[in-house]
Amino acid sequence: MENASKALLMSAAILLGLMIISVAVAIFNTLSSFSQTATTEMQMKQVSEFNSNFTKYYGQINGSAIQVTIHDIVSVANLAKQSNISNELQDENGYNEYTNYVQVDLKIGGSTITRLEKQDVSTYQTLIQNNSLVADENGKLTQTKYFVCTNLLYSAQTGRVMYISFSDN
């Protein structure tokens, strides 16, 4: 009888131990799932914030395309350059679906400057000097020259903006 009661106590202790382990595993799985969800939401927010730096120049307001200045375009090119540097992608040959590389193109008149994000400061300064103002009806450079964003592409893999282009119409 004594052995039977000891056996019952041992089996009860084993069952209690298994229950404690099961509860611990369930709590771990719940916390792990919560952590993964929080990480995913945080990554989506970061991508959304990054994209908003580009998407604010694309689209229409009151039926007409959003107008940007050459200063805005140079800012976008600098942002793309900094993003490419921080992702160690400055040696890439252009955008593609599988990297975070951002490419900026600019069409002025009949010529196109591809990969504006690769240009140096002197090129940016020349662009600003030559494209900040346009002549009014009297021939004086007094009116701001505007550009429009003609294309904006997102990577299906990363969800980030990978290409943006501007044109002076």
C-alpha atoms as a PDB file:
ATOM      1  CA  MET A   1       0.000   0.000   0.000  1.00  0.00           C
ATOM      2  CA  GLU A   2       2.841   2.272   0.847  1.00  0.00           C
ATOM      3  CA  ASN A   3       4.428   1.727  -2.587  1.00  0.00           C
ATOM      4  CA  ALA A   4       1.127   2.407  -4.321  1.00  0.00           C
ATOM      5  CA  SER A   5       0.717   5.778  -2.590  1.00  0.00           C
ATOM      6  CA  LYS A   6       4.304   6.725  -3.458  1.00  0.00           C
ATOM      7  CA  ALA A   7       3.623   5.763  -7.081  1.00  0.00           C
ATOM      8  CA  LEU A   8       0.505   7.944  -7.120  1.00  0.00           C
ATOM      9  CA  LEU A   9       2.457  10.877  -5.668  1.00  0.00           C
ATOM     10  CA  MET A  10       5.198  10.417  -8.269  1.00  0.00           C
ATOM     11  CA  SER A  11       2.701  10.285 -11.140  1.00  0.00           C
ATOM     12  CA  ALA A  12       0.942  13.396  -9.787  1.00  0.00           C
ATOM     13  CA  ALA A  13       4.289  15.226  -9.626  1.00  0.00           C
ATOM     14  CA  ILE A  14       5.084  14.193 -13.211  1.00  0.00           C
ATOM     15  CA  LEU A  15       1.655  15.364 -14.405  1.00  0.00           C
ATOM     16  CA  LEU A  16       2.068  18.660 -12.560  1.00  0.00           C
ATOM     17  CA  GLY A  17       5.516  19.126 -14.137  1.00  0.00           C
ATOM     18  CA  LEU A  18       4.134  18.427 -17.615  1.00  0.00           C
ATOM     19  CA  MET A  19       1.333  20.947 -17.042  1.00  0.00           C
ATOM     20  CA  ILE A  20       3.824  23.617 -15.955  1.00  0.00           C
ATOM     21  CA  ILE A  21       6.006  22.937 -19.023  1.00  0.00           C
ATOM     22  CA  SER A  22       2.927  23.083 -21.307  1.00  0.00           C
ATOM     23  CA  VAL A  23       1.853  26.427 -19.850  1.00  0.00           C
ATOM     24  CA  ALA A  24       5.407  27.784 -20.249  1.00  0.00           C
ATOM     25  CA  VAL A  25       5.522  26.688 -23.915  1.00  0.00           C
ATOM     26  CA  ALA A  26       2.115  28.257 -24.582  1.00  0.00           C
ATOM     27  CA  ILE A  27       3.227  31.554 -23.012  1.00  0.00           C
ATOM     28  CA  PHE A  28       6.470  31.472 -25.001  1.00  0.00           C
ATOM     29  CA  ASN A  29       4.581  30.917 -28.270  1.00  0.00           C
ATOM     30  CA  THR A  30       2.182  33.754 -27.499  1.00  0.00           C
ATOM     31  CA  LEU A  31       4.996  36.172 -26.692  1.00  0.00           C
ATOM     32  CA  SER A  32       6.955  35.069 -29.749  1.00  0.00           C
ATOM     33  CA  SER A  33       3.951  35.685 -31.995  1.00  0.00           C
ATOM     34  CA  PHE A  34       3.419  39.104 -30.420  1.00  0.00           C
ATOM     35  CA  SER A  35       7.093  39.964 -30.961  1.00  0.00           C
ATOM     36  CA  GLN A  36       6.967  38.914 -34.617  1.00  0.00           C
ATOM     37  CA  THR A  37       3.823  40.978 -35.195  1.00  0.00           C
ATOM     38  CA  ALA A  38       5.372  44.018 -33.527  1.00  0.00           C
ATOM     39  CA  THR A  39       8.556  43.643 -35.595  1.00  0.00           C
ATOM     40  CA  THR A  40       6.572  43.327 -38.822  1.00  0.00           C
ATOM     41  CA  GLU A  41       4.482  46.401 -37.998  1.00  0.00           C
ATOM     42  CA  MET A  42       7.615  48.376 -37.158  1.00  0.00           C
ATOM     43  CA  GLN A  43       9.246  47.388 -40.465  1.00  0.00           C
ATOM     44  CA  MET A  44       6.108  48.350 -42.386  1.00  0.00           C
ATOM     45  CA  LYS A  45       6.067  51.726 -40.651  1.00  0.00           C
ATOM     46  CA  GLN A  46       9.722  52.320 -41.547  1.00  0.00           C
ATOM     47  CA  VAL A  47       9.041  51.459 -45.204  1.00  0.00           C
ATOM     48  CA  SER A  48       6.002  53.746 -45.214  1.00  0.00           C
ATOM     49  CA  GLU A  49       7.990  56.626 -43.713  1.00  0.00           C
ATOM     50  CA  PHE A  50      10.791  56.088 -46.239  1.00  0.00           C
ATOM     51  CA  ASN A  51       8.353  55.973 -49.159  1.00  0.00           C
ATOM     52  CA  SER A  52       6.572  59.130 -48.010  1.00  0.00           C
ATOM     53  CA  ASN A  53       9.772  61.080 -48.729  1.00  0.00           C
ATOM     54  CA  PHE A  54       9.220  60.262 -52.410  1.00  0.00           C
ATOM     55  CA  THR A  55       5.463  59.860 -52.778  1.00  0.00           C
ATOM     56  CA  LYS A  56       4.749  63.412 -51.687  1.00  0.00           C
ATOM     57  CA  TYR A  57       5.998  64.540 -55.110  1.00  0.00           C
ATOM     58  CA  TYR A  58       3.900  62.089 -57.142  1.00  0.00           C
ATOM     59  CA  GLY A  59       0.244  62.371 -58.011  1.00  0.00           C
ATOM     60  CA  GLN A  60      -2.290  65.118 -58.476  1.00  0.00           C
ATOM     61  CA  ILE A  61      -3.889  67.846 -56.416  1.00  0.00           C
ATOM     62  CA  ASN A  62      -7.192  69.254 -57.635  1.00  0.00           C
ATOM     63  CA  GLY A  63      -6.809  67.510 -60.987  1.00  0.00           C
ATOM     64  CA  SER A  64      -3.321  68.787 -61.838  1.00  0.00           C
ATOM     65  CA  ALA A  65       0.052  67.171 -61.289  1.00  0.00           C
ATOM     66  CA  ILE A  66       2.004  68.143 -58.194  1.00  0.00           C
ATOM     67  CA  GLN A  67       4.612  70.712 -59.171  1.00  0.00           C
ATOM     68  CA  VAL A  68       8.118  70.532 -57.750  1.00  0.00           C
ATOM     69  CA  THR A  69      11.162  72.734 -58.077  1.00  0.00           C
ATOM     70  CA  ILE A  70      14.683  71.736 -59.021  1.00  0.00           C
ATOM     71  CA  HIS A  71      15.554  72.138 -55.329  1.00  0.00           C
ATOM     72  CA  ASP A  72      13.036  69.400 -54.470  1.00  0.00           C
ATOM     73  CA  ILE A  73      14.502  67.129 -57.135  1.00  0.00           C
ATOM     74  CA  VAL A  74      18.046  67.634 -55.838  1.00  0.00           C
ATOM     75  CA  SER A  75      16.774  66.876 -52.338  1.00  0.00           C
ATOM     76  CA  VAL A  76      15.214  63.634 -53.599  1.00  0.00           C
ATOM     77  CA  ALA A  77      18.481  62.726 -55.356  1.00  0.00           C
ATOM     78  CA  ASN A  78      20.430  63.381 -52.158  1.00  0.00           C
ATOM     79  CA  LEU A  79      17.966  61.280 -50.158  1.00  0.00           C
ATOM     80  CA  ALA A  80      18.326  58.446 -52.652  1.00  0.00           C
ATOM     81  CA  LYS A  81      22.114  58.773 -52.537  1.00  0.00           C
ATOM     82  CA  GLN A  82      22.146  58.645 -48.718  1.00  0.00           C
ATOM     83  CA  SER A  83      19.806  55.652 -48.713  1.00  0.00           C
ATOM     84  CA  ASN A  84      21.990  53.819 -51.213  1.00  0.00           C
ATOM     85  CA  ILE A  85      25.102  54.586 -49.166  1.00  0.00           C
ATOM     86  CA  SER A  86      23.522  53.487 -45.885  1.00  0.00           C
ATOM     87  CA  ASN A  87      22.433  50.226 -47.537  1.00  0.00           C
ATOM     88  CA  GLU A  88      25.940  49.865 -49.056  1.00  0.00           C
ATOM     89  CA  LEU A  89      24.503  49.863 -52.580  1.00  0.00           C
ATOM     90  CA  GLN A  90      26.376  52.796 -54.091  1.00  0.00           C
ATOM     91  CA  ASP A  91      28.107  50.464 -56.588  1.00  0.00           C
ATOM     92  CA  GLU A  92      24.841  49.110 -58.030  1.00  0.00           C
ATOM     93  CA  ASN A  93      24.073  49.651 -61.712  1.00  0.00           C
ATOM     94  CA  GLY A  94      20.516  50.805 -61.120  1.00  0.00           C
ATOM     95  CA  TYR A  95      17.299  49.779 -59.465  1.00  0.00           C
ATOM     96  CA  ASN A  96      15.879  46.265 -59.400  1.00  0.00           C
ATOM     97  CA  GLU A  97      13.271  44.294 -57.480  1.00  0.00           C
ATOM     98  CA  TYR A  98      15.687  42.590 -55.114  1.00  0.00           C
ATOM     99  CA  THR A  99      17.624  45.449 -53.531  1.00  0.00           C
ATOM    100  CA  ASN A 100      16.857  48.684 -51.732  1.00  0.00           C
ATOM    101  CA  TYR A 101      18.639  50.761 -54.390  1.00  0.00           C
ATOM    102  CA  VAL A 102      16.797  53.968 -55.321  1.00  0.00           C
ATOM    103  CA  GLN A 103      17.293  55.559 -58.753  1.00  0.00           C
ATOM    104  CA  VAL A 104      16.328  59.113 -59.741  1.00  0.00           C
ATOM    105  CA  ASP A 105      16.049  60.287 -63.362  1.00  0.00           C
ATOM    106  CA  LEU A 106      15.437  63.814 -64.641  1.00  0.00           C
ATOM    107  CA  LYS A 107      14.262  64.862 -68.112  1.00  0.00           C
ATOM    108  CA  ILE A 108      14.983  68.469 -69.043  1.00  0.00           C
ATOM    109  CA  GLY A 109      14.008  69.505 -72.535  1.00  0.00           C
ATOM    110  CA  GLY A 110      15.235  66.831 -74.904  1.00  0.00           C
ATOM    111  CA  SER A 111      17.902  65.366 -72.632  1.00  0.00           C
ATOM    112  CA  THR A 112      17.661  62.980 -69.732  1.00  0.00           C
ATOM    113  CA  ILE A 113      19.974  62.736 -66.763  1.00  0.00           C
ATOM    114  CA  THR A 114      19.823  59.141 -65.643  1.00  0.00           C
ATOM    115  CA  ARG A 115      20.913  58.123 -62.178  1.00  0.00           C
ATOM    116  CA  LEU A 116      20.848  61.628 -60.763  1.00  0.00           C
ATOM    117  CA  GLU A 117      21.630  60.086 -57.362  1.00  0.00           C
ATOM    118  CA  LYS A 118      25.146  59.282 -58.664  1.00  0.00           C
ATOM    119  CA  GLN A 119      25.976  62.891 -59.579  1.00  0.00           C
ATOM    120  CA  ASP A 120      28.297  65.112 -57.578  1.00  0.00           C
ATOM    121  CA  VAL A 121      27.635  68.413 -55.813  1.00  0.00           C
ATOM    122  CA  SER A 122      28.862  70.533 -58.737  1.00  0.00           C
ATOM    123  CA  THR A 123      26.303  68.879 -61.038  1.00  0.00           C
ATOM    124  CA  TYR A 124      23.567  69.637 -58.515  1.00  0.00           C
ATOM    125  CA  GLN A 125      24.711  73.255 -58.274  1.00  0.00           C
ATOM    126  CA  THR A 126      24.706  73.619 -62.055  1.00  0.00           C
ATOM    127  CA  LEU A 127      21.221  72.109 -62.272  1.00  0.00           C
ATOM    128  CA  ILE A 128      19.934  74.540 -59.647  1.00  0.00           C
ATOM    129  CA  GLN A 129      21.563  77.551 -61.340  1.00  0.00           C
ATOM    130  CA  ASN A 130      20.217  76.659 -64.776  1.00  0.00           C
ATOM    131  CA  ASN A 131      16.744  75.429 -63.815  1.00  0.00           C
ATOM    132  CA  SER A 132      15.495  77.446 -60.855  1.00  0.00           C
ATOM    133  CA  LEU A 133      13.839  80.235 -62.841  1.00  0.00           C
ATOM    134  CA  VAL A 134      12.273  80.741 -66.249  1.00  0.00           C
ATOM    135  CA  ALA A 135      11.858  83.941 -68.188  1.00  0.00           C
ATOM    136  CA  ASP A 136       8.649  85.897 -67.961  1.00  0.00           C
ATOM    137  CA  GLU A 137       7.005  87.607 -70.957  1.00  0.00           C
ATOM    138  CA  ASN A 138       9.623  90.391 -70.732  1.00  0.00           C
ATOM    139  CA  GLY A 139      12.537  87.948 -70.878  1.00  0.00           C
ATOM    140  CA  LYS A 140      13.528  88.359 -67.222  1.00  0.00           C
ATOM    141  CA  LEU A 141      14.235  85.299 -65.088  1.00  0.00           C
ATOM    142  CA  THR A 142      11.601  85.910 -62.464  1.00  0.00           C
ATOM    143  CA  GLN A 143       9.246  82.923 -62.516  1.00  0.00           C
ATOM    144  CA  THR A 144       9.912  79.652 -60.755  1.00  0.00           C
ATOM    145  CA  LYS A 145      10.474  76.707 -63.056  1.00  0.00           C
ATOM    146  CA  TYR A 146       8.389  73.682 -62.152  1.00  0.00           C
ATOM    147  CA  PHE A 147       8.789  69.985 -62.836  1.00  0.00           C
ATOM    148  CA  VAL A 148       6.443  67.043 -62.351  1.00  0.00           C
ATOM    149  CA  CYS A 149       7.072  63.516 -61.172  1.00  0.00           C
ATOM    150  CA  THR A 150       6.285  61.306 -64.156  1.00  0.00           C
ATOM    151  CA  ASN A 151       6.956  57.858 -62.738  1.00  0.00           C
ATOM    152  CA  LEU A 152       7.273  56.181 -59.351  1.00  0.00           C
ATOM    153  CA  LEU A 153       7.990  52.457 -59.010  1.00  0.00           C
ATOM    154  CA  TYR A 154       7.863  50.260 -55.920  1.00  0.00           C
ATOM    155  CA  SER A 155       9.761  47.038 -55.421  1.00  0.00           C
ATOM    156  CA  ALA A 156       7.405  44.081 -55.098  1.00  0.00           C
ATOM    157  CA  GLN A 157      10.026  42.367 -52.933  1.00  0.00           C
ATOM    158  CA  THR A 158      10.849  45.141 -50.450  1.00  0.00           C
ATOM    159  CA  GLY A 159       7.811  47.431 -50.750  1.00  0.00           C
ATOM    160  CA  ARG A 160      10.144  50.425 -50.985  1.00  0.00           C
ATOM    161  CA  VAL A 161      10.357  53.061 -53.705  1.00  0.00           C
ATOM    162  CA  MET A 162      13.028  51.955 -56.157  1.00  0.00           C
ATOM    163  CA  TYR A 163      12.645  54.449 -59.016  1.00  0.00           C
ATOM    164  CA  ILE A 164      11.386  57.988 -59.432  1.00  0.00           C
ATOM    165  CA  SER A 165      11.578  60.241 -62.481  1.00  0.00           C
ATOM    166  CA  PHE A 166      10.874  63.920 -63.057  1.00  0.00           C
ATOM    167  CA  SER A 167      10.276  65.964 -66.191  1.00  0.00           C
ATOM    168  CA  ASP A 168       9.927  69.629 -67.049  1.00  0.00           C
ATOM    169  CA  ASN A 169       6.961  68.660 -69.271  1.00  0.00           C
END
